[in-house]
Amino acid sequence: MNWLDVHVADDDYYGDFASDPWSHGFIVQDMVQAFSAMALFFPEVGVVAHVTEFLKFEPLEQFRKSLLFDPRERNKTRPDRRTRTSFKFRDVKFWTEWNAVREQKQHFSDIFPFDWSVAIRPIIAKLYRTGIIAPAHLQNVPEIVAGVATAMTEPHRPDKLDLFISYYDPHNRFPTTFPHFAGPDNWPKILPHAEAFAKEHQNARFALLRIWTAPHFYPLMLGANIPGSEFSMHKTITKALAHAKEQFGDRVVVRGDLVLVMGEDAADLFKYCTAATFAIQTRPWLREIDLWKSFINVDLDLLKELDPVWLD
């Protein structure tokens, strides 16, 4: 906490979130959570001995032997879920089936494929039940409602229809470009940064921290299908980590919802991982690290072995 220049307020001051996001009454709790989560992956670091000893208890044997602690084996199984790609970056061929429906003379609601309805209605119902979406008293026409729910498949899940929203807008009624927008093609590449760091540090260790997200909704009150939604996540995480920019230097690299953390050795990496996790998970408490989809305290060789999906 001293390294990050974080202090616990001795009164009820909660600060202005925009300029002082770390002035709140849960600093210690947030730091302890970040420390405990990262400590699971650093048994060789002495300061986490109490966590390591806790994992040795017999009731935790199944957890201790899970794939969470076997990154090479976990790498072999790609998550069974849709990709994060938004409408803006989808190949036009992806929408071929929907275009065939949309271009017919009948209203799309009258000829919407039944198997699409079967696939996406449970997903929409779940979003509605959790309060993410709500009824809107609007006319169901493209001129007013920007998106249309469809069901499509992706190459890695050819037999599984999933929810995808088309924001096709031939009349340009809705903006699809934004100030300071930087798409995935302009984001930092993970491996080149790791390789350059490893050349300078013989015992370099790395961590890939993935932000937890639902398949169809980012934890930012933002739908994954919305044009350019990837940029919102990228900018939000970058901004969260910027509060410790002086401490992080070039040790932390952001690519969308993925964060690369680099350390000279395991102890050094643990410090940076804990700090990055704290910065991401603290106020406003909308984000958390998905440990199952993260690869923590690994070497460069393992990073090179990873399926490209884990590096994007």
Protein backbone atom coordinates (compact mmCIF):
# COMPACT_ATOMS: atom_id res chain seq x y z
CA MET A 1 0.00 0.00 0.00
CA ASN A 2 2.90 2.35 0.68
CA TRP A 3 4.38 1.54 -2.72
CA LEU A 4 1.09 2.49 -4.40
CA ASP A 5 0.76 5.52 -2.10
CA VAL A 6 -2.61 4.21 -0.90
CA HIS A 7 -3.79 5.31 2.51
CA VAL A 8 -6.81 4.41 4.61
CA ALA A 9 -8.94 7.47 5.37
CA ASP A 10 -9.47 8.11 9.09
CA ASP A 11 -12.87 9.67 8.51
CA ASP A 12 -15.86 9.21 6.23
CA TYR A 13 -14.24 10.93 3.24
CA TYR A 14 -14.89 9.01 0.08
CA GLY A 15 -13.38 11.45 -2.37
CA ASP A 16 -14.31 12.28 -5.90
CA PHE A 17 -14.33 9.07 -7.92
CA ALA A 18 -13.16 10.72 -11.13
CA SER A 19 -10.01 12.25 -9.63
CA ASP A 20 -9.48 10.17 -6.48
CA PRO A 21 -10.93 6.65 -6.99
CA TRP A 22 -8.95 5.06 -4.17
CA SER A 23 -10.25 7.23 -1.35
CA HIS A 24 -12.88 4.99 0.19
CA GLY A 25 -13.46 2.88 3.26
CA PHE A 26 -12.77 -0.53 1.71
CA ILE A 27 -9.15 -0.07 0.68
CA VAL A 28 -7.80 -2.69 3.08
CA GLN A 29 -10.45 -5.27 2.15
CA ASP A 30 -9.79 -4.76 -1.56
CA MET A 31 -6.03 -5.06 -1.07
CA VAL A 32 -6.41 -8.24 1.00
CA GLN A 33 -8.63 -9.79 -1.68
CA ALA A 34 -6.09 -8.97 -4.39
CA PHE A 35 -3.23 -10.31 -2.26
CA SER A 36 -5.04 -13.55 -1.43
CA ALA A 37 -6.10 -14.21 -5.02
CA MET A 38 -2.59 -13.79 -6.40
CA ALA A 39 -0.90 -15.59 -3.48
CA LEU A 40 -2.46 -18.87 -4.65
CA PHE A 41 -0.04 -18.94 -7.59
CA PHE A 42 3.20 -17.96 -5.83
CA PRO A 43 4.11 -20.75 -3.37
CA GLU A 44 7.82 -19.90 -3.74
CA VAL A 45 7.35 -16.39 -2.36
CA GLY A 46 7.88 -16.34 1.38
CA VAL A 47 5.43 -13.56 2.18
CA VAL A 48 2.49 -15.76 1.07
CA ALA A 49 3.42 -18.74 3.27
CA HIS A 50 0.18 -18.53 5.26
CA VAL A 51 -1.87 -18.91 2.07
CA THR A 52 0.31 -21.80 0.87
CA GLU A 53 -0.10 -23.56 4.19
CA PHE A 54 -3.86 -23.05 4.08
CA LEU A 55 -4.04 -24.82 0.72
CA LYS A 56 -2.46 -27.90 2.26
CA PHE A 57 -5.54 -28.64 4.35
CA GLU A 58 -7.19 -31.92 3.35
CA PRO A 59 -10.62 -30.40 2.48
CA LEU A 60 -8.86 -28.34 -0.21
CA GLU A 61 -7.15 -31.28 -1.89
CA GLN A 62 -9.54 -31.37 -4.84
CA PHE A 63 -9.18 -27.62 -5.35
CA ARG A 64 -5.39 -27.87 -5.04
CA LYS A 65 -5.28 -30.55 -7.74
CA SER A 66 -7.64 -28.74 -10.12
CA LEU A 67 -6.60 -27.41 -13.52
CA LEU A 68 -6.48 -23.94 -12.02
CA PHE A 69 -2.92 -24.79 -11.01
CA ASP A 70 -2.06 -26.67 -14.21
CA PRO A 71 -1.89 -23.96 -16.89
CA ARG A 72 -0.47 -26.21 -19.59
CA GLU A 73 -3.37 -28.63 -19.34
CA ARG A 74 -5.89 -25.81 -19.03
CA ASN A 75 -4.52 -24.28 -22.23
CA LYS A 76 -5.69 -27.33 -24.20
CA THR A 77 -9.39 -26.55 -23.73
CA ARG A 78 -10.80 -23.44 -25.31
CA PRO A 79 -13.74 -21.86 -23.41
CA ASP A 80 -17.08 -22.97 -24.81
CA ARG A 81 -18.47 -19.50 -25.38
CA ARG A 82 -18.89 -16.92 -28.11
CA THR A 83 -16.04 -14.58 -28.94
CA ARG A 84 -16.04 -10.96 -27.78
CA THR A 85 -16.05 -9.51 -31.33
CA SER A 86 -18.63 -6.75 -31.67
CA PHE A 87 -20.77 -5.91 -34.68
CA LYS A 88 -18.25 -3.32 -35.90
CA PHE A 89 -15.52 -5.90 -36.39
CA ARG A 90 -17.54 -8.84 -37.66
CA ASP A 91 -16.80 -10.02 -41.18
CA VAL A 92 -19.72 -9.11 -43.45
CA LYS A 93 -20.01 -12.78 -44.42
CA PHE A 94 -20.94 -13.56 -40.82
CA TRP A 95 -24.36 -11.98 -41.41
CA THR A 96 -25.17 -13.81 -44.66
CA GLU A 97 -28.05 -15.84 -43.19
CA TRP A 98 -29.53 -12.84 -41.43
CA ASN A 99 -29.29 -10.70 -44.57
CA ALA A 100 -31.23 -13.36 -46.45
CA VAL A 101 -34.04 -12.99 -43.92
CA ARG A 102 -33.84 -9.20 -43.71
CA GLU A 103 -33.98 -8.69 -47.48
CA GLN A 104 -37.24 -10.57 -47.91
CA LYS A 105 -40.40 -8.54 -48.54
CA GLN A 106 -42.11 -9.79 -45.38
CA HIS A 107 -41.41 -8.22 -42.00
CA PHE A 108 -38.56 -10.08 -40.33
CA SER A 109 -40.66 -10.79 -37.21
CA ASP A 110 -43.05 -12.86 -39.35
CA ILE A 111 -40.36 -15.04 -40.93
CA PHE A 112 -37.82 -15.22 -38.11
CA PRO A 113 -36.41 -18.81 -38.13
CA PHE A 114 -37.90 -20.93 -35.36
CA ASP A 115 -34.58 -22.53 -34.39
CA TRP A 116 -33.15 -19.04 -33.86
CA SER A 117 -35.96 -18.24 -31.46
CA VAL A 118 -35.38 -21.47 -29.56
CA ALA A 119 -31.69 -20.64 -29.22
CA ILE A 120 -31.82 -16.99 -28.17
CA ARG A 121 -35.04 -16.61 -26.19
CA PRO A 122 -33.61 -18.33 -23.06
CA ILE A 123 -30.57 -16.04 -23.24
CA ILE A 124 -32.73 -12.93 -23.55
CA ALA A 125 -34.98 -14.15 -20.72
CA LYS A 126 -31.95 -14.56 -18.47
CA LEU A 127 -30.74 -11.03 -19.25
CA TYR A 128 -34.24 -9.73 -18.54
CA ARG A 129 -34.55 -11.63 -15.29
CA THR A 130 -31.27 -10.22 -13.97
CA GLY A 131 -32.33 -6.68 -14.84
CA ILE A 132 -29.76 -6.07 -17.57
CA ILE A 133 -32.47 -5.42 -20.16
CA ALA A 134 -36.00 -4.09 -19.74
CA PRO A 135 -39.10 -3.51 -21.87
CA ALA A 136 -39.05 -0.47 -24.13
CA HIS A 137 -42.22 1.20 -25.42
CA LEU A 138 -40.81 1.78 -28.89
CA GLN A 139 -41.92 0.86 -32.36
CA ASN A 140 -40.09 -2.26 -33.53
CA VAL A 141 -38.59 -0.81 -36.71
CA PRO A 142 -34.91 -0.31 -37.71
CA GLU A 143 -35.36 3.47 -37.89
CA ILE A 144 -35.98 3.57 -34.12
CA VAL A 145 -34.49 0.39 -32.66
CA ALA A 146 -30.86 0.08 -33.67
CA GLY A 147 -30.26 -3.62 -33.07
CA VAL A 148 -31.99 -6.85 -34.06
CA ALA A 149 -31.37 -10.07 -32.15
CA THR A 150 -30.27 -12.97 -34.34
CA ALA A 151 -28.82 -16.45 -33.84
CA MET A 152 -25.54 -17.39 -35.51
CA THR A 153 -22.68 -19.83 -35.11
CA GLU A 154 -18.92 -19.24 -35.01
CA PRO A 155 -16.14 -21.41 -36.48
CA HIS A 156 -15.05 -22.80 -33.12
CA ARG A 157 -18.68 -23.67 -32.22
CA PRO A 158 -20.21 -24.71 -35.56
CA ASP A 159 -23.11 -26.60 -33.96
CA LYS A 160 -24.11 -24.05 -31.32
CA LEU A 161 -26.37 -21.14 -32.16
CA ASP A 162 -25.80 -18.11 -29.94
CA LEU A 163 -27.14 -14.60 -29.54
CA PHE A 164 -25.67 -11.96 -31.86
CA ILE A 165 -27.17 -8.52 -32.42
CA SER A 166 -27.04 -6.95 -35.86
CA TYR A 167 -26.71 -3.16 -35.93
CA TYR A 168 -27.04 -2.93 -39.68
CA ASP A 169 -27.82 0.72 -40.40
CA PRO A 170 -27.93 1.56 -44.12
CA HIS A 171 -29.25 5.05 -43.41
CA ASN A 172 -26.45 5.96 -40.94
CA ARG A 173 -28.88 6.99 -38.23
CA PHE A 174 -26.66 5.76 -35.41
CA PRO A 175 -22.95 6.59 -34.84
CA THR A 176 -20.44 3.78 -35.24
CA THR A 177 -17.23 5.79 -34.88
CA PHE A 178 -16.09 7.45 -31.70
CA PRO A 179 -13.46 10.02 -30.68
CA HIS A 180 -10.05 8.54 -29.86
CA PHE A 181 -11.28 5.13 -30.98
CA ALA A 182 -8.61 2.44 -31.25
CA GLY A 183 -9.70 -0.96 -32.51
CA PRO A 184 -8.08 -4.32 -31.64
CA ASP A 185 -5.69 -4.00 -34.59
CA ASN A 186 -4.10 -1.02 -32.85
CA TRP A 187 -3.78 -2.60 -29.40
CA PRO A 188 -0.39 -3.81 -28.06
CA LYS A 189 0.62 -7.36 -28.96
CA ILE A 190 1.28 -9.52 -25.91
CA LEU A 191 4.12 -11.80 -27.01
CA PRO A 192 6.51 -9.13 -28.38
CA HIS A 193 6.36 -7.28 -25.04
CA ALA A 194 7.01 -10.48 -23.10
CA GLU A 195 9.88 -11.54 -25.37
CA ALA A 196 11.57 -8.15 -25.11
CA PHE A 197 11.29 -8.22 -21.31
CA ALA A 198 12.65 -11.79 -21.10
CA LYS A 199 15.75 -10.78 -23.07
CA GLU A 200 16.61 -8.24 -20.37
CA HIS A 201 15.71 -10.40 -17.37
CA GLN A 202 16.96 -13.98 -17.21
CA ASN A 203 14.49 -15.10 -14.52
CA ALA A 204 11.50 -13.22 -15.91
CA ARG A 205 8.03 -14.42 -14.92
CA PHE A 206 4.72 -13.39 -16.45
CA ALA A 207 1.01 -13.26 -15.75
CA LEU A 208 -1.95 -12.91 -18.09
CA LEU A 209 -4.84 -11.50 -16.10
CA ARG A 210 -8.24 -11.80 -17.81
CA ILE A 211 -11.17 -9.65 -16.70
CA TRP A 212 -14.30 -11.66 -15.97
CA THR A 213 -17.09 -11.00 -18.45
CA ALA A 214 -20.41 -12.61 -19.23
CA PRO A 215 -20.73 -14.04 -22.76
CA HIS A 216 -23.03 -11.25 -23.96
CA PHE A 217 -22.36 -8.41 -21.54
CA TYR A 218 -19.29 -6.64 -20.24
CA PRO A 219 -19.29 -5.71 -16.52
CA LEU A 220 -19.58 -2.06 -17.58
CA MET A 221 -23.31 -1.97 -18.25
CA LEU A 222 -22.35 -2.54 -21.88
CA GLY A 223 -23.49 -5.18 -24.33
CA ALA A 224 -20.73 -7.10 -26.10
CA ASN A 225 -22.49 -6.74 -29.46
CA ILE A 226 -22.62 -2.94 -29.40
CA PRO A 227 -20.36 -1.55 -32.17
CA GLY A 228 -16.89 -0.95 -30.76
CA SER A 229 -17.64 -2.38 -27.30
CA GLU A 230 -14.12 -3.85 -27.20
CA PHE A 231 -12.69 -0.35 -27.10
CA SER A 232 -14.78 0.57 -24.06
CA MET A 233 -13.33 -2.35 -22.09
CA HIS A 234 -9.80 -1.56 -23.29
CA LYS A 235 -10.07 2.09 -22.31
CA THR A 236 -11.72 1.33 -18.95
CA ILE A 237 -9.00 -1.10 -17.87
CA THR A 238 -6.28 1.24 -19.13
CA LYS A 239 -7.77 4.07 -17.11
CA ALA A 240 -8.04 1.94 -13.96
CA LEU A 241 -4.37 0.99 -14.16
CA ALA A 242 -3.31 4.54 -15.02
CA HIS A 243 -3.79 5.55 -11.38
CA ALA A 244 -0.58 3.64 -10.63
CA LYS A 245 1.19 4.48 -13.87
CA GLU A 246 4.34 5.70 -12.13
CA GLN A 247 4.66 2.44 -10.18
CA PHE A 248 3.81 0.13 -13.08
CA GLY A 249 5.96 1.79 -15.71
CA ASP A 250 6.26 -0.60 -18.67
CA ARG A 251 5.61 -3.72 -16.57
CA VAL A 252 1.87 -3.76 -17.33
CA VAL A 253 0.39 -3.99 -20.83
CA VAL A 254 -3.34 -3.81 -21.60
CA ARG A 255 -5.04 -5.47 -24.55
CA GLY A 256 -8.81 -5.21 -24.30
CA ASP A 257 -9.91 -7.28 -21.30
CA LEU A 258 -6.46 -8.89 -21.00
CA VAL A 259 -3.58 -7.55 -18.89
CA LEU A 260 0.03 -8.72 -19.23
CA VAL A 261 2.08 -8.28 -16.06
CA MET A 262 5.86 -8.80 -16.09
CA GLY A 263 8.28 -9.34 -13.21
CA GLU A 264 12.03 -9.85 -12.93
CA ASP A 265 11.36 -12.94 -10.81
CA ALA A 266 8.42 -14.54 -8.97
CA ALA A 267 8.56 -12.18 -5.98
CA ASP A 268 8.71 -9.14 -8.24
CA LEU A 269 5.82 -10.43 -10.35
CA PHE A 270 3.73 -11.08 -7.26
CA LYS A 271 4.04 -7.44 -6.21
CA TYR A 272 2.97 -6.15 -9.62
CA CYS A 273 0.17 -8.72 -9.98
CA THR A 274 -1.28 -7.83 -6.60
CA ALA A 275 -1.15 -4.12 -7.39
CA ALA A 276 -2.73 -4.59 -10.83
CA THR A 277 -5.47 -6.82 -9.43
CA PHE A 278 -6.22 -4.28 -6.73
CA ALA A 279 -6.37 -1.41 -9.24
CA ILE A 280 -8.77 -3.35 -11.45
CA GLN A 281 -11.07 -4.73 -8.75
CA THR A 282 -11.36 -1.78 -6.38
CA ARG A 283 -13.91 1.04 -6.62
CA PRO A 284 -16.34 1.08 -8.41
CA TRP A 285 -16.26 -2.72 -7.81
CA LEU A 286 -17.60 -3.69 -11.23
CA ARG A 287 -14.61 -5.76 -12.37
CA GLU A 288 -12.78 -8.83 -11.15
CA ILE A 289 -10.01 -11.09 -12.39
CA ASP A 290 -11.18 -14.39 -13.89
CA LEU A 291 -8.56 -16.74 -12.43
CA TRP A 292 -9.68 -19.69 -14.55
CA LYS A 293 -8.98 -17.78 -17.75
CA SER A 294 -5.77 -16.23 -16.43
CA PHE A 295 -2.25 -17.65 -16.54
CA ILE A 296 -0.27 -16.47 -13.54
CA ASN A 297 3.40 -16.93 -12.64
CA VAL A 298 4.43 -18.64 -15.87
CA ASP A 299 7.57 -18.42 -18.00
CA LEU A 300 7.99 -17.22 -21.55
CA ASP A 301 7.96 -20.75 -22.97
CA LEU A 302 4.47 -21.35 -21.65
CA LEU A 303 3.23 -18.06 -23.07
CA LYS A 304 4.50 -19.17 -26.47
CA GLU A 305 2.65 -22.49 -26.13
CA LEU A 306 -0.71 -20.87 -25.46
CA ASP A 307 -3.50 -21.06 -27.98
CA PRO A 308 -3.72 -17.62 -29.65
CA VAL A 309 -7.21 -17.19 -28.21
CA TRP A 310 -5.68 -16.77 -24.74
CA LEU A 311 -3.43 -13.95 -25.97
CA ASP A 312 -6.16 -11.83 -27.54
